[in-house]
Amino acid sequence: MNILYFAWVRERIGLPREKVETSARTVLDLVEELRAREERYAVAFSDLSGLRVAVDQELADFDASLEGVREVAFFPPMTGG
């Protein structure tokens, strides 16, 4: 599965994207797997209220299923201007 990181999430993790093997069933399960990897992931995902997620380029909730998903993206809330 491809994982994309945007804005400050990318800065904290230090990668714009990565390919991961996962057994996660939901986005939240994936977040828990990532948090357990290293401190930089734990910091980036410490407050999920400040994050949004897209699953295969569609906005989703953290309880969204990952069955058949090819891409998950994490990013801060967007603002207009």
Protein backbone atom coordinates (compact mmCIF):
# COMPACT_ATOMS: atom_id res chain seq x y z
CA MET A 1 0.00 0.00 0.00
CA ASN A 2 1.24 3.49 -0.80
CA ILE A 3 1.17 6.00 2.05
CA LEU A 4 1.40 9.71 1.25
CA TYR A 5 2.25 12.45 3.75
CA PHE A 6 1.57 16.14 3.18
CA ALA A 7 2.54 19.45 4.84
CA TRP A 8 3.68 19.18 8.47
CA VAL A 9 2.98 15.42 8.54
CA ARG A 10 5.63 14.98 5.83
CA GLU A 11 8.00 17.27 7.73
CA ARG A 12 7.66 15.31 10.97
CA ILE A 13 8.04 11.91 9.34
CA GLY A 14 10.70 13.05 6.91
CA LEU A 15 9.21 11.32 3.86
CA PRO A 16 6.70 12.43 1.24
CA ARG A 17 5.59 8.83 0.60
CA GLU A 18 6.40 5.23 1.29
CA LYS A 19 5.19 1.78 0.39
CA VAL A 20 4.21 -0.40 3.35
CA GLU A 21 3.09 -3.95 3.93
CA THR A 22 0.25 -3.92 6.43
CA SER A 23 -2.32 -6.20 7.99
CA ALA A 24 -4.38 -3.19 9.14
CA ARG A 25 -8.11 -3.47 8.58
CA THR A 26 -8.91 0.23 9.07
CA VAL A 27 -7.11 3.53 8.75
CA LEU A 28 -6.89 3.73 12.54
CA ASP A 29 -5.24 0.28 12.63
CA LEU A 30 -2.73 1.56 10.07
CA VAL A 31 -2.05 4.64 12.21
CA GLU A 32 -1.40 2.39 15.21
CA GLU A 33 1.06 0.30 13.16
CA LEU A 34 2.84 3.45 12.00
CA ARG A 35 2.97 4.93 15.51
CA ALA A 36 4.69 1.77 16.74
CA ARG A 37 7.44 1.99 14.09
CA GLU A 38 9.46 4.94 15.37
CA GLU A 39 9.20 8.08 17.48
CA ARG A 40 8.81 10.33 14.42
CA TYR A 41 5.60 8.50 13.46
CA ALA A 42 4.34 8.61 17.03
CA VAL A 43 4.85 12.38 17.05
CA ALA A 44 3.22 12.90 13.65
CA PHE A 45 0.16 10.87 14.64
CA SER A 46 -0.08 11.98 18.28
CA ASP A 47 -3.20 14.13 17.73
CA LEU A 48 -5.55 12.74 15.09
CA SER A 49 -7.96 15.65 15.55
CA GLY A 50 -5.47 17.73 13.55
CA LEU A 51 -5.33 15.27 10.66
CA ARG A 52 -7.46 14.34 7.69
CA VAL A 53 -7.20 11.20 5.63
CA ALA A 54 -7.98 10.21 2.06
CA VAL A 55 -8.37 6.61 0.93
CA ASP A 56 -7.75 6.09 -2.78
CA GLN A 57 -8.10 9.87 -3.22
CA GLU A 58 -11.48 10.11 -1.44
CA LEU A 59 -11.85 11.84 1.92
CA ALA A 60 -12.49 9.25 4.61
CA ASP A 61 -12.77 8.75 8.35
CA PHE A 62 -10.23 6.93 10.48
CA ASP A 63 -12.61 3.98 10.80
CA ALA A 64 -12.65 3.49 7.00
CA SER A 65 -11.88 -0.01 5.77
CA LEU A 66 -8.60 -0.65 3.98
CA GLU A 67 -9.87 -3.68 2.08
CA GLY A 68 -8.69 -3.37 -1.51
CA VAL A 69 -7.19 0.08 -0.89
CA ARG A 70 -4.07 1.03 -2.82
CA GLU A 71 -3.32 4.48 -1.35
CA VAL A 72 -3.80 6.32 1.93
CA ALA A 73 -2.91 10.01 2.31
CA PHE A 74 -2.54 11.96 5.55
CA PHE A 75 -2.72 15.76 5.62
CA PRO A 76 -3.77 18.66 7.86
CA PRO A 77 -7.21 20.27 7.40
CA MET A 78 -7.37 22.42 4.30
CA THR A 79 -8.34 26.06 4.37
CA GLY A 80 -9.58 28.23 1.57
CA GLY A 81 -8.25 31.57 0.61
